[in-house]
Amino acid sequence: MAKITYIEYSGKEHTLDVKNGLTVMEGARDNGIPGIEADCGGACACSTCHVYVAEDWVDKLPPKQPMEEDMLEFAYEPDPVRSRLTCQLKVSDALDGLVVQMPERQI
């Protein structure tokens, strides 16, 4: 299990214990965290679970796969370094302490 902090655009923080094997998106969706819409349900077919990863986590995460890179082109104000799709981040003990911030809106 990993403790993950989700920060809304307004700055409101939600820190949750998310079970290993779920995705960061599922942790938000299953706990009603606003700001992650997850319209495609985790199929990496949209960009509505886009977040900005805390800078100190960028190099700790697995690299973006081509499909995620493609979908991030459709995200609202993507950051070439910090933007990730939470449906592509599988929770494990290695993600304990992860901090993600939602953009102003999802598109």
N, C-alpha and C. Protein backbone atom coordinates (compact mmCIF):
# COMPACT_ATOMS: atom_id res chain seq x y z
N MET A 1 0.85 -1.17 0.00
CA MET A 1 0.00 0.00 0.00
C MET A 1 0.90 1.24 0.00
N ALA A 2 0.45 2.25 -0.70
CA ALA A 2 1.21 3.49 -0.79
C ALA A 2 0.35 4.67 -0.37
N LYS A 3 0.96 5.60 0.33
CA LYS A 3 0.29 6.83 0.71
C LYS A 3 0.53 7.82 -0.43
N ILE A 4 -0.56 8.28 -1.04
CA ILE A 4 -0.48 9.20 -2.18
C ILE A 4 -1.24 10.47 -1.84
N THR A 5 -0.63 11.60 -2.16
CA THR A 5 -1.28 12.89 -1.92
C THR A 5 -1.73 13.47 -3.25
N TYR A 6 -3.01 13.74 -3.34
CA TYR A 6 -3.63 14.36 -4.50
C TYR A 6 -3.93 15.82 -4.13
N ILE A 7 -3.46 16.76 -4.93
CA ILE A 7 -3.70 18.17 -4.64
C ILE A 7 -4.60 18.75 -5.72
N GLU A 8 -5.77 19.23 -5.29
CA GLU A 8 -6.69 19.86 -6.23
C GLU A 8 -6.07 21.15 -6.74
N TYR A 9 -6.59 21.66 -7.84
CA TYR A 9 -6.10 22.92 -8.40
C TYR A 9 -6.21 24.05 -7.37
N SER A 10 -7.23 24.00 -6.53
CA SER A 10 -7.44 25.03 -5.50
C SER A 10 -6.40 24.95 -4.38
N GLY A 11 -5.66 23.85 -4.33
CA GLY A 11 -4.67 23.65 -3.28
C GLY A 11 -5.10 22.70 -2.18
N LYS A 12 -6.37 22.28 -2.18
CA LYS A 12 -6.85 21.34 -1.17
C LYS A 12 -6.17 19.98 -1.37
N GLU A 13 -5.64 19.44 -0.28
CA GLU A 13 -4.91 18.17 -0.35
C GLU A 13 -5.74 17.02 0.19
N HIS A 14 -5.56 15.87 -0.45
CA HIS A 14 -6.19 14.61 -0.03
C HIS A 14 -5.07 13.58 0.02
N THR A 15 -4.78 13.03 1.19
CA THR A 15 -3.77 12.00 1.30
C THR A 15 -4.47 10.68 1.60
N LEU A 16 -4.21 9.70 0.76
CA LEU A 16 -4.91 8.41 0.84
C LEU A 16 -3.93 7.26 0.85
N ASP A 17 -4.35 6.16 1.47
CA ASP A 17 -3.65 4.90 1.32
C ASP A 17 -4.30 4.19 0.14
N VAL A 18 -3.50 3.90 -0.89
CA VAL A 18 -4.01 3.25 -2.10
C VAL A 18 -3.38 1.86 -2.19
N LYS A 19 -4.22 0.87 -2.42
CA LYS A 19 -3.75 -0.52 -2.47
C LYS A 19 -2.82 -0.77 -3.65
N ASN A 20 -1.80 -1.57 -3.41
CA ASN A 20 -0.91 -2.00 -4.48
C ASN A 20 -1.72 -2.71 -5.56
N GLY A 21 -1.34 -2.51 -6.80
CA GLY A 21 -2.02 -3.14 -7.93
C GLY A 21 -3.05 -2.23 -8.58
N LEU A 22 -3.58 -1.26 -7.83
CA LEU A 22 -4.47 -0.28 -8.44
C LEU A 22 -3.63 0.74 -9.17
N THR A 23 -4.28 1.63 -9.90
CA THR A 23 -3.56 2.75 -10.49
C THR A 23 -3.80 3.99 -9.64
N VAL A 24 -2.96 4.99 -9.82
CA VAL A 24 -3.15 6.25 -9.11
C VAL A 24 -4.52 6.84 -9.46
N MET A 25 -4.96 6.65 -10.70
CA MET A 25 -6.29 7.11 -11.13
C MET A 25 -7.39 6.38 -10.36
N GLU A 26 -7.27 5.07 -10.22
CA GLU A 26 -8.30 4.31 -9.51
C GLU A 26 -8.37 4.73 -8.04
N GLY A 27 -7.23 5.04 -7.45
CA GLY A 27 -7.23 5.53 -6.07
C GLY A 27 -8.04 6.81 -5.93
N ALA A 28 -7.88 7.72 -6.88
CA ALA A 28 -8.64 8.98 -6.85
C ALA A 28 -10.12 8.73 -7.13
N ARG A 29 -10.39 7.98 -8.18
CA ARG A 29 -11.79 7.71 -8.56
C ARG A 29 -12.55 6.99 -7.45
N ASP A 30 -11.94 5.97 -6.88
CA ASP A 30 -12.62 5.16 -5.86
C ASP A 30 -12.85 5.92 -4.56
N ASN A 31 -12.13 7.02 -4.38
CA ASN A 31 -12.27 7.82 -3.16
C ASN A 31 -12.91 9.18 -3.40
N GLY A 32 -13.46 9.38 -4.60
CA GLY A 32 -14.20 10.60 -4.91
C GLY A 32 -13.36 11.86 -4.91
N ILE A 33 -12.09 11.75 -5.30
CA ILE A 33 -11.22 12.92 -5.34
C ILE A 33 -11.58 13.75 -6.57
N PRO A 34 -11.96 15.01 -6.40
CA PRO A 34 -12.30 15.83 -7.56
C PRO A 34 -11.06 16.22 -8.36
N GLY A 35 -11.26 16.35 -9.67
CA GLY A 35 -10.17 16.81 -10.53
C GLY A 35 -9.60 15.74 -11.43
N ILE A 36 -9.91 14.49 -11.15
CA ILE A 36 -9.52 13.38 -12.02
C ILE A 36 -10.81 12.74 -12.50
N GLU A 37 -11.14 12.97 -13.78
CA GLU A 37 -12.42 12.51 -14.31
C GLU A 37 -12.38 11.07 -14.80
N ALA A 38 -11.29 10.65 -15.40
CA ALA A 38 -11.11 9.26 -15.84
C ALA A 38 -12.22 8.79 -16.78
N ASP A 39 -12.52 9.60 -17.80
CA ASP A 39 -13.62 9.30 -18.71
C ASP A 39 -13.48 7.95 -19.42
N CYS A 40 -12.27 7.52 -19.74
CA CYS A 40 -12.10 6.27 -20.47
C CYS A 40 -11.95 5.07 -19.55
N GLY A 41 -11.98 5.30 -18.24
CA GLY A 41 -11.91 4.21 -17.28
C GLY A 41 -10.53 3.60 -17.12
N GLY A 42 -9.53 4.23 -17.65
CA GLY A 42 -8.17 3.73 -17.48
C GLY A 42 -7.58 3.05 -18.70
N ALA A 43 -8.19 3.23 -19.84
CA ALA A 43 -7.73 2.58 -21.07
C ALA A 43 -6.67 3.39 -21.82
N CYS A 44 -6.24 4.49 -21.26
CA CYS A 44 -5.27 5.39 -21.91
C CYS A 44 -5.79 5.85 -23.26
N ALA A 45 -7.09 6.19 -23.27
CA ALA A 45 -7.73 6.63 -24.51
C ALA A 45 -8.23 8.07 -24.40
N CYS A 46 -7.85 8.76 -23.34
CA CYS A 46 -8.21 10.17 -23.17
C CYS A 46 -7.12 10.81 -22.30
N SER A 47 -7.35 12.03 -21.89
CA SER A 47 -6.36 12.68 -21.02
C SER A 47 -7.01 13.25 -19.76
N THR A 48 -8.15 12.70 -19.37
CA THR A 48 -8.91 13.27 -18.26
C THR A 48 -8.46 12.79 -16.88
N CYS A 49 -7.32 12.12 -16.82
CA CYS A 49 -6.72 11.77 -15.53
C CYS A 49 -5.32 12.39 -15.44
N HIS A 50 -5.11 13.44 -16.21
CA HIS A 50 -3.83 14.15 -16.26
C HIS A 50 -3.52 14.83 -14.93
N VAL A 51 -2.26 14.70 -14.50
CA VAL A 51 -1.77 15.40 -13.31
C VAL A 51 -0.36 15.89 -13.57
N TYR A 52 0.09 16.75 -12.67
CA TYR A 52 1.49 17.17 -12.62
C TYR A 52 2.12 16.46 -11.42
N VAL A 53 3.14 15.69 -11.68
CA VAL A 53 3.84 14.96 -10.63
C VAL A 53 4.81 15.91 -9.94
N ALA A 54 4.92 15.80 -8.62
CA ALA A 54 5.88 16.62 -7.88
C ALA A 54 7.27 16.41 -8.49
N GLU A 55 8.03 17.48 -8.58
CA GLU A 55 9.34 17.44 -9.24
C GLU A 55 10.25 16.35 -8.69
N ASP A 56 10.23 16.12 -7.39
CA ASP A 56 11.13 15.13 -6.81
C ASP A 56 10.70 13.69 -7.11
N TRP A 57 9.55 13.52 -7.77
CA TRP A 57 9.07 12.19 -8.15
C TRP A 57 9.27 11.88 -9.63
N VAL A 58 9.57 12.85 -10.43
CA VAL A 58 9.63 12.64 -11.89
C VAL A 58 10.56 11.49 -12.25
N ASP A 59 11.75 11.45 -11.69
CA ASP A 59 12.72 10.42 -12.05
C ASP A 59 12.51 9.10 -11.33
N LYS A 60 11.60 9.07 -10.38
CA LYS A 60 11.33 7.83 -9.63
C LYS A 60 10.25 6.99 -10.30
N LEU A 61 9.53 7.58 -11.25
CA LEU A 61 8.43 6.88 -11.91
C LEU A 61 8.92 6.15 -13.15
N PRO A 62 8.21 5.10 -13.56
CA PRO A 62 8.57 4.44 -14.82
C PRO A 62 8.42 5.43 -15.97
N PRO A 63 9.21 5.27 -17.02
CA PRO A 63 9.11 6.21 -18.15
C PRO A 63 7.75 6.13 -18.84
N LYS A 64 7.39 7.23 -19.48
CA LYS A 64 6.14 7.28 -20.25
C LYS A 64 6.27 6.37 -21.46
N GLN A 65 5.22 5.61 -21.72
CA GLN A 65 5.15 4.79 -22.92
C GLN A 65 4.60 5.64 -24.06
N PRO A 66 4.83 5.24 -25.31
CA PRO A 66 4.37 6.05 -26.45
C PRO A 66 2.88 6.41 -26.41
N MET A 67 2.04 5.49 -25.99
CA MET A 67 0.60 5.76 -25.96
C MET A 67 0.29 6.89 -24.98
N GLU A 68 0.93 6.87 -23.82
CA GLU A 68 0.72 7.94 -22.84
C GLU A 68 1.23 9.27 -23.39
N GLU A 69 2.38 9.26 -24.02
CA GLU A 69 2.93 10.47 -24.64
C GLU A 69 1.92 11.06 -25.63
N ASP A 70 1.32 10.18 -26.46
CA ASP A 70 0.34 10.64 -27.45
C ASP A 70 -0.87 11.27 -26.79
N MET A 71 -1.40 10.63 -25.75
CA MET A 71 -2.60 11.14 -25.08
C MET A 71 -2.31 12.45 -24.34
N LEU A 72 -1.11 12.61 -23.83
CA LEU A 72 -0.78 13.86 -23.12
C LEU A 72 -0.80 15.07 -24.05
N GLU A 73 -0.69 14.85 -25.35
CA GLU A 73 -0.79 15.96 -26.30
C GLU A 73 -2.18 16.61 -26.25
N PHE A 74 -3.19 15.86 -25.77
CA PHE A 74 -4.56 16.35 -25.70
C PHE A 74 -4.90 16.92 -24.32
N ALA A 75 -3.97 16.83 -23.37
CA ALA A 75 -4.22 17.30 -22.01
C ALA A 75 -4.21 18.82 -21.95
N TYR A 76 -4.83 19.34 -20.90
CA TYR A 76 -4.85 20.79 -20.66
C TYR A 76 -3.49 21.22 -20.12
N GLU A 77 -2.83 22.11 -20.84
CA GLU A 77 -1.54 22.67 -20.46
C GLU A 77 -0.55 21.63 -19.95
N PRO A 78 -0.20 20.65 -20.79
CA PRO A 78 0.75 19.63 -20.35
C PRO A 78 2.15 20.20 -20.14
N ASP A 79 2.81 19.66 -19.16
CA ASP A 79 4.20 20.01 -18.87
C ASP A 79 5.04 18.85 -19.43
N PRO A 80 6.03 19.14 -20.27
CA PRO A 80 6.79 18.07 -20.90
C PRO A 80 7.52 17.15 -19.91
N VAL A 81 7.79 17.63 -18.73
CA VAL A 81 8.51 16.83 -17.74
C VAL A 81 7.57 16.25 -16.68
N ARG A 82 6.69 17.07 -16.12
CA ARG A 82 5.90 16.67 -14.96
C ARG A 82 4.54 16.04 -15.26
N SER A 83 4.02 16.19 -16.47
CA SER A 83 2.69 15.67 -16.78
C SER A 83 2.71 14.15 -16.90
N ARG A 84 1.71 13.53 -16.28
CA ARG A 84 1.51 12.09 -16.39
C ARG A 84 0.01 11.81 -16.41
N LEU A 85 -0.34 10.66 -16.96
CA LEU A 85 -1.70 10.16 -16.89
C LEU A 85 -1.75 9.18 -15.74
N THR A 86 -2.61 9.43 -14.77
CA THR A 86 -2.62 8.59 -13.57
C THR A 86 -3.09 7.16 -13.84
N CYS A 87 -3.76 6.94 -14.96
CA CYS A 87 -4.17 5.58 -15.30
C CYS A 87 -2.96 4.71 -15.68
N GLN A 88 -1.84 5.34 -15.95
CA GLN A 88 -0.65 4.62 -16.36
C GLN A 88 0.36 4.44 -15.22
N LEU A 89 -0.01 4.87 -14.03
CA LEU A 89 0.87 4.74 -12.87
C LEU A 89 0.32 3.69 -11.92
N LYS A 90 0.92 2.50 -11.96
CA LYS A 90 0.50 1.37 -11.13
C LYS A 90 1.07 1.56 -9.72
N VAL A 91 0.21 1.44 -8.73
CA VAL A 91 0.60 1.64 -7.34
C VAL A 91 1.38 0.43 -6.83
N SER A 92 2.48 0.74 -6.16
CA SER A 92 3.29 -0.25 -5.46
C SER A 92 3.92 0.46 -4.26
N ASP A 93 4.60 -0.29 -3.42
CA ASP A 93 5.27 0.33 -2.28
C ASP A 93 6.25 1.41 -2.73
N ALA A 94 6.78 1.27 -3.94
CA ALA A 94 7.74 2.25 -4.47
C ALA A 94 7.11 3.63 -4.66
N LEU A 95 5.78 3.71 -4.73
CA LEU A 95 5.11 5.00 -4.90
C LEU A 95 4.69 5.64 -3.58
N ASP A 96 5.07 5.04 -2.46
CA ASP A 96 4.70 5.59 -1.17
C ASP A 96 5.26 7.00 -1.03
N GLY A 97 4.36 7.97 -0.80
CA GLY A 97 4.76 9.37 -0.67
C GLY A 97 4.57 10.19 -1.93
N LEU A 98 4.09 9.56 -3.01
CA LEU A 98 3.88 10.27 -4.28
C LEU A 98 2.93 11.45 -4.07
N VAL A 99 3.26 12.56 -4.72
CA VAL A 99 2.41 13.76 -4.68
C VAL A 99 2.09 14.16 -6.12
N VAL A 100 0.80 14.31 -6.41
CA VAL A 100 0.36 14.75 -7.73
C VAL A 100 -0.59 15.93 -7.58
N GLN A 101 -0.53 16.83 -8.55
CA GLN A 101 -1.40 18.01 -8.54
C GLN A 101 -2.25 18.03 -9.80
N MET A 102 -3.53 18.29 -9.63
CA MET A 102 -4.44 18.34 -10.76
C MET A 102 -4.31 19.68 -11.50
N PRO A 103 -4.51 19.64 -12.80
CA PRO A 103 -4.52 20.90 -13.56
C PRO A 103 -5.81 21.68 -13.28
N GLU A 104 -5.88 22.87 -13.82
CA GLU A 104 -7.06 23.71 -13.63
C GLU A 104 -8.33 23.01 -14.11
N ARG A 105 -8.19 22.26 -15.20
CA ARG A 105 -9.34 21.51 -15.73
C ARG A 105 -8.82 20.36 -16.57
N GLN A 106 -9.72 19.43 -16.87
CA GLN A 106 -9.40 18.30 -17.72
C GLN A 106 -10.13 18.49 -19.05
N ILE A 107 -9.49 18.06 -20.13
CA ILE A 107 -10.15 18.13 -21.44
C ILE A 107 -10.00 16.82 -22.17
